[in-house]
């Protein structure tokens, strides 16, 4: 699983991150992780700016909400989703990579 490091976010204390999960067969899925505190912060900001009906709702595709901060918490959630078989319904499928590492033009359904 690849979780790019975001400036200002340390692996042990990251409350949000985007991840690409690559499986042995080459298929890839995408996830966004956030803690409830991060979601609350976004909704509070939206209430001030008027976005999302003044902060009345929040949405994010492929969202996995984690209770504890840190990349280990995120990795544990992915391991559980894989072992339970729920990964397919939780995380969106990404285009496969070609041999040169670029994304292919074909999307699996």
C-alpha atoms as a PDB file:
ATOM      1  CA  UNK A   1       0.000   0.000   0.000  1.00  0.00           C
ATOM      2  CA  UNK A   2       1.333   3.408  -0.968  1.00  0.00           C
ATOM      3  CA  UNK A   3       0.426   6.342   1.241  1.00  0.00           C
ATOM      4  CA  UNK A   4       2.243   9.433  -0.021  1.00  0.00           C
ATOM      5  CA  UNK A   5       3.678  11.610   2.695  1.00  0.00           C
ATOM      6  CA  UNK A   6       1.958  14.985   2.882  1.00  0.00           C
ATOM      7  CA  UNK A   7       3.965  17.970   4.001  1.00  0.00           C
ATOM      8  CA  UNK A   8       3.195  18.711   7.620  1.00  0.00           C
ATOM      9  CA  UNK A   9       1.769  15.230   8.289  1.00  0.00           C
ATOM     10  CA  UNK A  10       3.944  12.792  10.217  1.00  0.00           C
ATOM     11  CA  UNK A  11       3.289   9.042   9.782  1.00  0.00           C
ATOM     12  CA  UNK A  12       2.517   8.568  13.496  1.00  0.00           C
ATOM     13  CA  UNK A  13       0.113  11.507  13.755  1.00  0.00           C
ATOM     14  CA  UNK A  14      -1.510  11.778  10.311  1.00  0.00           C
ATOM     15  CA  UNK A  15      -5.258  12.180  10.645  1.00  0.00           C
ATOM     16  CA  UNK A  16      -5.859  12.068   6.903  1.00  0.00           C
ATOM     17  CA  UNK A  17      -4.223  10.549   3.843  1.00  0.00           C
ATOM     18  CA  UNK A  18      -4.877   9.172   0.386  1.00  0.00           C
ATOM     19  CA  UNK A  19      -3.678   5.670  -0.403  1.00  0.00           C
ATOM     20  CA  UNK A  20      -3.244   3.408  -3.403  1.00  0.00           C
ATOM     21  CA  UNK A  21      -3.548  -0.278  -2.577  1.00  0.00           C
ATOM     22  CA  UNK A  22      -1.834  -2.542  -5.115  1.00  0.00           C
ATOM     23  CA  UNK A  23      -2.630  -6.258  -5.060  1.00  0.00           C
ATOM     24  CA  UNK A  24      -0.373  -9.136  -6.183  1.00  0.00           C
ATOM     25  CA  UNK A  25      -2.394  -9.490  -9.417  1.00  0.00           C
ATOM     26  CA  UNK A  26      -1.603  -5.848 -10.273  1.00  0.00           C
ATOM     27  CA  UNK A  27      -5.102  -4.507  -9.573  1.00  0.00           C
ATOM     28  CA  UNK A  28      -5.209  -1.264  -7.636  1.00  0.00           C
ATOM     29  CA  UNK A  29      -7.737   0.425  -5.401  1.00  0.00           C
ATOM     30  CA  UNK A  30      -7.929   3.899  -3.907  1.00  0.00           C
ATOM     31  CA  UNK A  31      -8.816   5.018  -0.383  1.00  0.00           C
ATOM     32  CA  UNK A  32      -9.062   8.292   1.496  1.00  0.00           C
ATOM     33  CA  UNK A  33      -8.582   8.116   5.264  1.00  0.00           C
ATOM     34  CA  UNK A  34      -9.822  10.668   7.775  1.00  0.00           C
ATOM     35  CA  UNK A  35     -10.441  10.769  11.489  1.00  0.00           C
ATOM     36  CA  UNK A  36     -13.706  12.134  12.843  1.00  0.00           C
ATOM     37  CA  UNK A  37     -11.779  15.232  13.981  1.00  0.00           C
ATOM     38  CA  UNK A  38     -10.688  15.914  10.396  1.00  0.00           C
ATOM     39  CA  UNK A  39     -14.265  15.508   9.137  1.00  0.00           C
ATOM     40  CA  UNK A  40     -15.491  17.845  11.891  1.00  0.00           C
ATOM     41  CA  UNK A  41     -12.852  20.452  10.963  1.00  0.00           C
ATOM     42  CA  UNK A  42     -13.906  20.330   7.315  1.00  0.00           C
ATOM     43  CA  UNK A  43     -17.582  20.654   8.209  1.00  0.00           C
ATOM     44  CA  UNK A  44     -16.827  23.558  10.553  1.00  0.00           C
ATOM     45  CA  UNK A  45     -14.882  25.283   7.762  1.00  0.00           C
ATOM     46  CA  UNK A  46     -17.781  24.677   5.371  1.00  0.00           C
ATOM     47  CA  UNK A  47     -20.169  26.205   7.918  1.00  0.00           C
ATOM     48  CA  UNK A  48     -18.053  29.380   7.865  1.00  0.00           C
ATOM     49  CA  UNK A  49     -17.659  29.480   4.064  1.00  0.00           C
ATOM     50  CA  UNK A  50     -21.168  28.361   3.141  1.00  0.00           C
ATOM     51  CA  UNK A  51     -19.992  25.270   1.258  1.00  0.00           C
ATOM     52  CA  UNK A  52     -21.965  22.016   1.475  1.00  0.00           C
ATOM     53  CA  UNK A  53     -25.149  23.775   2.622  1.00  0.00           C
ATOM     54  CA  UNK A  54     -23.246  25.624   5.276  1.00  0.00           C
ATOM     55  CA  UNK A  55     -21.482  22.548   6.617  1.00  0.00           C
ATOM     56  CA  UNK A  56     -24.624  20.454   6.948  1.00  0.00           C
ATOM     57  CA  UNK A  57     -23.080  17.511   5.112  1.00  0.00           C
ATOM     58  CA  UNK A  58     -19.747  16.069   4.098  1.00  0.00           C
ATOM     59  CA  UNK A  59     -18.920  13.560   1.422  1.00  0.00           C
ATOM     60  CA  UNK A  60     -15.759  12.080  -0.011  1.00  0.00           C
ATOM     61  CA  UNK A  61     -15.528   9.119  -2.350  1.00  0.00           C
ATOM     62  CA  UNK A  62     -13.698   6.033  -1.120  1.00  0.00           C
ATOM     63  CA  UNK A  63     -13.677   7.385   2.456  1.00  0.00           C
ATOM     64  CA  UNK A  64     -12.586   5.222   5.368  1.00  0.00           C
ATOM     65  CA  UNK A  65     -13.016   6.891   8.747  1.00  0.00           C
ATOM     66  CA  UNK A  66     -10.459   5.803  11.319  1.00  0.00           C
ATOM     67  CA  UNK A  67     -10.679   6.279  15.072  1.00  0.00           C
ATOM     68  CA  UNK A  68      -6.941   6.646  15.716  1.00  0.00           C
ATOM     69  CA  UNK A  69      -4.392   8.782  13.864  1.00  0.00           C
ATOM     70  CA  UNK A  70      -1.364   7.339  12.096  1.00  0.00           C
ATOM     71  CA  UNK A  71      -0.459   5.262   9.087  1.00  0.00           C
ATOM     72  CA  UNK A  72      -0.520   2.056  11.125  1.00  0.00           C
ATOM     73  CA  UNK A  73      -4.202   2.636  11.900  1.00  0.00           C
ATOM     74  CA  UNK A  74      -4.832   3.124   8.177  1.00  0.00           C
ATOM     75  CA  UNK A  75      -2.892  -0.006   7.235  1.00  0.00           C
ATOM     76  CA  UNK A  76      -4.757  -2.043   9.863  1.00  0.00           C
ATOM     77  CA  UNK A  77      -8.087  -0.910   8.399  1.00  0.00           C
ATOM     78  CA  UNK A  78      -6.996  -1.971   4.895  1.00  0.00           C
ATOM     79  CA  UNK A  79      -5.781  -5.362   6.148  1.00  0.00           C
ATOM     80  CA  UNK A  80      -9.160  -5.924   7.825  1.00  0.00           C
ATOM     81  CA  UNK A  81     -11.110  -4.834   4.727  1.00  0.00           C
ATOM     82  CA  UNK A  82      -9.058  -7.226   2.590  1.00  0.00           C
ATOM     83  CA  UNK A  83      -9.482 -10.156   4.972  1.00  0.00           C
ATOM     84  CA  UNK A  84     -13.239  -9.553   5.295  1.00  0.00           C
ATOM     85  CA  UNK A  85     -13.676  -9.151   1.527  1.00  0.00           C
ATOM     86  CA  UNK A  86     -15.168  -5.681   1.991  1.00  0.00           C
ATOM     87  CA  UNK A  87     -12.328  -3.944   0.136  1.00  0.00           C
ATOM     88  CA  UNK A  88     -14.158  -4.293  -3.200  1.00  0.00           C
ATOM     89  CA  UNK A  89     -17.176  -2.321  -2.026  1.00  0.00           C
ATOM     90  CA  UNK A  90     -15.180   0.181   0.005  1.00  0.00           C
ATOM     91  CA  UNK A  91     -12.351   1.316  -2.251  1.00  0.00           C
ATOM     92  CA  UNK A  92     -12.688   2.374  -5.876  1.00  0.00           C
ATOM     93  CA  UNK A  93     -10.868   0.461  -8.578  1.00  0.00           C
ATOM     94  CA  UNK A  94      -8.061   2.343 -10.320  1.00  0.00           C
ATOM     95  CA  UNK A  95      -6.823   1.886 -13.864  1.00  0.00           C
ATOM     96  CA  UNK A  96      -4.113  -0.769 -14.153  1.00  0.00           C
ATOM     97  CA  UNK A  97      -0.520   0.313 -14.582  1.00  0.00           C
ATOM     98  CA  UNK A  98       1.269  -0.413 -17.822  1.00  0.00           C
ATOM     99  CA  UNK A  99       4.748  -1.898 -17.793  1.00  0.00           C
ATOM    100  CA  UNK A 100       6.313   1.586 -17.827  1.00  0.00           C
ATOM    101  CA  UNK A 101       4.420   2.521 -14.639  1.00  0.00           C
ATOM    102  CA  UNK A 102       1.927   4.798 -16.414  1.00  0.00           C
ATOM    103  CA  UNK A 103      -1.805   4.291 -16.025  1.00  0.00           C
ATOM    104  CA  UNK A 104      -3.480   2.390 -18.842  1.00  0.00           C
ATOM    105  CA  UNK A 105      -6.421   3.920 -20.701  1.00  0.00           C
ATOM    106  CA  UNK A 106      -8.735   0.998 -19.876  1.00  0.00           C
ATOM    107  CA  UNK A 107     -10.797   0.969 -16.664  1.00  0.00           C
ATOM    108  CA  UNK A 108     -12.005  -2.306 -15.192  1.00  0.00           C
ATOM    109  CA  UNK A 109     -15.595  -2.500 -14.005  1.00  0.00           C
END
